[in-house]
Protein backbone atom coordinates (compact mmCIF):
# COMPACT_ATOMS: atom_id res chain seq x y z
CA MET A 1 -16.74 6.79 -1.43
CA ALA A 2 -15.53 6.82 2.16
CA HIS A 3 -13.53 10.01 1.67
CA ARG A 4 -16.65 12.12 1.42
CA SER A 5 -17.24 12.20 5.14
CA ALA A 6 -13.58 12.36 6.16
CA ALA A 7 -12.46 15.44 8.07
CA LEU A 8 -8.93 14.58 9.04
CA ALA A 9 -5.78 16.48 9.91
CA GLU A 10 -4.02 19.13 7.84
CA SER A 11 -2.49 17.74 4.68
CA GLY A 12 1.10 17.83 5.92
CA TRP A 13 0.49 15.30 8.68
CA HIS A 14 1.35 11.64 8.40
CA THR A 15 -1.78 9.58 7.75
CA ALA A 16 -2.16 5.82 7.40
CA ALA A 17 -1.69 4.77 3.78
CA ARG A 18 -4.95 2.83 3.78
CA ASP A 19 -6.91 6.02 4.53
CA PHE A 20 -6.14 7.34 1.05
CA VAL A 21 -8.39 4.78 -0.67
CA PRO A 22 -12.10 4.09 -0.15
CA GLU A 23 -13.17 1.46 2.38
CA SER A 24 -14.50 -0.61 -0.54
CA HIS A 25 -10.93 -1.04 -1.83
CA ARG A 26 -8.99 -1.52 1.41
CA GLU A 27 -8.86 -5.32 1.19
CA LEU A 28 -6.96 -5.12 -2.09
CA PRO A 29 -3.15 -5.32 -2.20
CA MET A 30 -1.63 -1.84 -1.97
CA LEU A 31 1.54 -0.20 -3.16
CA ARG A 32 3.09 3.23 -3.21
CA VAL A 33 4.04 4.59 -6.63
CA TYR A 34 6.80 7.20 -6.36
CA LEU A 35 6.43 10.03 -8.88
CA PRO A 36 9.78 11.22 -10.29
CA PHE A 37 11.50 14.52 -9.57
CA ARG A 38 12.87 17.06 -12.06
CA ASN A 39 16.43 18.38 -12.12
CA ARG A 40 17.66 21.82 -13.23
CA ALA A 41 17.61 20.70 -16.86
CA ASP A 42 13.97 19.58 -16.41
CA ASP A 43 15.00 15.95 -16.83
CA VAL A 44 13.08 13.22 -15.00
CA VAL A 45 14.93 11.81 -11.98
CA ARG A 46 13.49 8.76 -10.26
CA TRP A 47 13.67 8.26 -6.51
CA SER A 48 15.77 5.15 -7.07
CA ARG A 49 18.58 7.28 -8.49
CA TYR A 50 19.35 8.32 -4.91
CA VAL A 51 17.35 5.98 -2.66
CA ASP A 52 16.91 2.22 -2.85
CA VAL A 53 13.12 2.23 -2.51
CA GLU A 54 13.10 -1.58 -2.36
CA GLU A 55 15.07 -1.46 0.89
CA HIS A 56 12.72 0.96 2.66
CA PRO A 57 9.13 0.65 3.89
CA ALA A 58 6.45 2.43 1.89
CA SER A 59 6.46 5.18 4.56
CA LEU A 60 9.69 6.54 3.05
CA ASP A 61 10.05 10.31 3.49
CA TRP A 62 12.11 11.95 0.72
CA PHE A 63 13.59 14.61 2.99
CA GLU A 64 14.66 12.15 5.67
CA ALA A 65 15.98 9.66 3.12
CA THR A 66 18.15 12.18 1.28
CA SER A 67 19.39 14.34 4.17
CA ARG A 68 22.11 11.78 4.89
CA ILE A 69 23.44 11.75 1.33
CA ALA A 70 23.19 15.44 0.38
CA GLU A 71 26.84 16.14 1.25
CA ASP A 72 28.12 13.37 -1.03
CA GLU A 73 25.38 13.87 -3.65
CA PRO A 74 24.82 17.66 -3.81
CA ALA A 75 22.64 17.36 -6.94
CA VAL A 76 19.89 15.96 -4.73
CA ARG A 77 19.37 19.45 -3.31
CA ASP A 78 18.49 20.80 -6.75
CA LEU A 79 15.70 18.34 -7.47
CA VAL A 80 12.16 19.70 -7.67
CA SER A 81 9.02 17.71 -6.95
CA CYS A 82 6.79 17.00 -9.94
CA MET A 83 3.90 18.14 -7.70
CA GLY A 84 1.63 15.57 -9.28
CA VAL A 85 2.45 16.47 -12.89
CA LEU A 86 3.13 13.24 -14.76
CA ASP A 87 6.10 12.42 -16.95
CA SER A 88 5.48 10.31 -20.05
CA ALA A 89 6.79 6.99 -18.67
CA THR A 90 4.76 7.21 -15.47
CA ALA A 91 1.63 8.32 -17.34
CA ASP A 92 1.95 5.45 -19.80
CA ALA A 93 2.46 2.88 -17.03
CA LEU A 94 -0.55 4.11 -15.04
CA ARG A 95 -2.80 4.34 -18.08
CA GLU A 96 -1.86 0.81 -19.17
CA ALA A 97 -2.60 -0.49 -15.66
CA MET A 98 -6.01 1.21 -15.74
CA GLY A 99 -6.87 -0.53 -19.00
CA ASP A 100 -10.64 -0.44 -19.52
CA ILE A 101 -11.50 0.17 -15.84
CA SER A 102 -13.91 3.11 -15.60
CA LEU A 103 -12.93 5.49 -12.80
CA ARG A 104 -14.30 8.50 -10.96
CA CYS A 105 -11.93 11.04 -9.45
CA LEU A 106 -11.60 13.94 -7.07
CA ARG A 107 -9.58 16.98 -8.10
CA TRP A 108 -8.60 19.73 -5.62
CA ILE A 109 -10.49 22.99 -6.26
CA GLY A 110 -7.37 25.04 -5.46
CA TYR A 111 -5.64 24.18 -8.73
CA ALA A 112 -5.89 26.89 -11.38
CA ASP A 113 -7.35 24.46 -13.92
CA ALA A 114 -9.95 22.95 -11.58
CA PRO A 115 -13.52 23.15 -12.89
CA GLN A 116 -15.74 25.71 -11.17
CA THR A 117 -18.68 24.23 -9.27
CA ASP A 118 -20.79 24.74 -6.17
CA SER A 119 -20.79 21.01 -5.43
CA THR A 120 -17.63 19.79 -3.70
CA THR A 121 -16.44 16.86 -1.58
CA ARG A 122 -14.43 17.41 1.61
CA VAL A 123 -11.36 15.21 2.18
CA PHE A 124 -8.70 15.77 4.86
CA GLY A 125 -10.03 19.29 5.40
CA GLU A 126 -9.82 20.28 1.70
CA GLU A 127 -12.50 20.70 -0.98
CA PHE A 128 -12.46 18.58 -4.15
CA VAL A 129 -14.50 18.39 -7.35
CA ASP A 130 -15.97 14.97 -8.26
CA ALA A 131 -15.75 13.95 -11.95
CA ASP A 132 -15.23 11.09 -14.38
CA LEU A 133 -11.59 10.23 -14.96
CA VAL A 134 -10.84 10.65 -18.66
CA PRO A 135 -7.70 9.54 -20.54
CA GLY A 136 -6.45 13.13 -20.64
CA ASP A 137 -6.23 13.12 -16.86
CA VAL A 138 -3.43 10.55 -17.05
CA GLU A 139 -1.12 12.04 -19.65
CA ALA A 140 2.35 13.56 -19.56
CA GLY A 141 2.26 17.19 -18.51
CA HIS A 142 -1.07 16.82 -16.69
CA ARG A 143 -1.50 16.80 -12.91
CA ILE A 144 -2.97 13.51 -11.78
CA PRO A 145 -6.18 13.73 -9.71
CA GLU A 146 -5.48 13.14 -6.02
CA PHE A 147 -8.17 10.48 -5.65
CA ALA A 148 -9.58 7.96 -8.13
CA TRP A 149 -11.68 4.79 -7.75
CA ASP A 150 -13.93 2.42 -9.66
CA VAL A 151 -17.36 1.21 -8.54
CA ASP A 152 -16.43 -2.49 -8.80
CA GLY A 153 -13.64 -2.37 -6.21
CA ARG A 154 -10.81 -3.19 -8.64
CA LEU A 155 -8.60 -0.09 -8.54
CA ALA A 156 -8.21 3.08 -6.51
CA TRP A 157 -5.53 5.56 -5.62
CA GLY A 158 -5.14 8.51 -3.32
CA SER A 159 -2.54 11.08 -2.45
CA ARG A 160 -1.84 14.45 -0.92
CA LEU A 161 -2.04 17.83 -2.62
CA TYR A 162 0.86 18.44 -5.01
CA PRO A 163 1.78 14.77 -4.63
CA ASP A 164 5.19 13.13 -4.93
CA SER A 165 3.63 9.65 -4.82
CA LEU A 166 0.36 7.74 -4.92
CA ILE A 167 -1.08 5.05 -2.66
CA VAL A 168 -2.64 2.52 -5.04
CA ALA A 169 -5.02 -0.32 -4.14
CA ALA A 170 -5.45 -2.75 -7.02
CA GLU A 171 -6.78 -6.18 -7.85
CA PRO A 172 -3.92 -8.73 -7.92
CA ALA A 173 -3.27 -8.65 -11.66
CA VAL A 174 -3.10 -4.84 -11.76
CA PHE A 175 -1.06 -4.76 -8.55
CA ARG A 176 1.53 -7.12 -10.08
CA GLN A 177 1.59 -5.12 -13.30
CA LEU A 178 2.39 -1.91 -11.44
CA ARG A 179 4.78 -3.55 -8.98
CA ASN A 180 6.79 -5.17 -11.77
CA ASP A 181 6.77 -2.25 -14.20
CA ALA A 182 10.39 -1.17 -14.78
CA ARG A 183 9.21 2.38 -15.59
CA LEU A 184 8.01 2.90 -12.01
CA ASP A 185 9.55 3.07 -8.56
CA THR A 186 7.17 1.25 -6.20
CA ALA A 187 7.00 -0.33 -2.75
CA SER A 188 4.40 -2.69 -1.34
CA VAL A 189 2.27 -1.15 1.42
CA ARG A 190 1.82 -2.86 4.77
CA VAL A 191 -1.48 -1.48 5.99
CA ASP A 192 -0.66 -2.19 9.64
CA ARG A 193 2.47 -0.05 9.49
CA ASP A 194 2.82 2.30 6.54
CA VAL A 195 1.82 5.95 6.39
CA LEU A 196 1.97 8.50 3.61
CA PRO A 197 4.33 11.25 4.79
CA ALA A 198 4.17 14.88 3.74
CA SER A 199 4.70 15.35 0.01
CA SER A 200 7.99 16.86 -1.11
CA GLY A 201 5.76 19.14 -3.18
CA ASP A 202 4.13 20.71 -0.10
């Protein structure tokens, strides 16, 4: 995986969206999947409740997008990032898109539930543990691994620490499935333009 030799900027910096997936997957269509927020009642709140994600490029920054509406929509100030922890609808949609594709993943060693090991992979200046992706990694209440990929070049995703979204590269059928899934907020990525901004969970 190309990430293993990457030593890029600190995680809060903007980085090209394509850099979040392995080189072997960069010719696939890409999209950004926006992970929902939580309100004070711990209810799921999608980005599209406050921002028309279809009208913005995939470089959309939550803070910039909502700063203009906070006065008229004060509830937006109370939203909390999911920080990579999946809700049931998002988990179901991602797991269905994965189907029978066998994936490996990288999980940040800084999380309390990260497995302890002496063997790590460095990505964007952080250390990650390499493991198989199991169904339990894509379930409601679980934090999704920041990086995942298959060996056949069909599906991959990447994100920042405590992510508010994922950059997904997928074969056309899986891309369309994710892009058209009504449970998800998504935007197509233009690799010549789009970046992944700082996560609202940072």
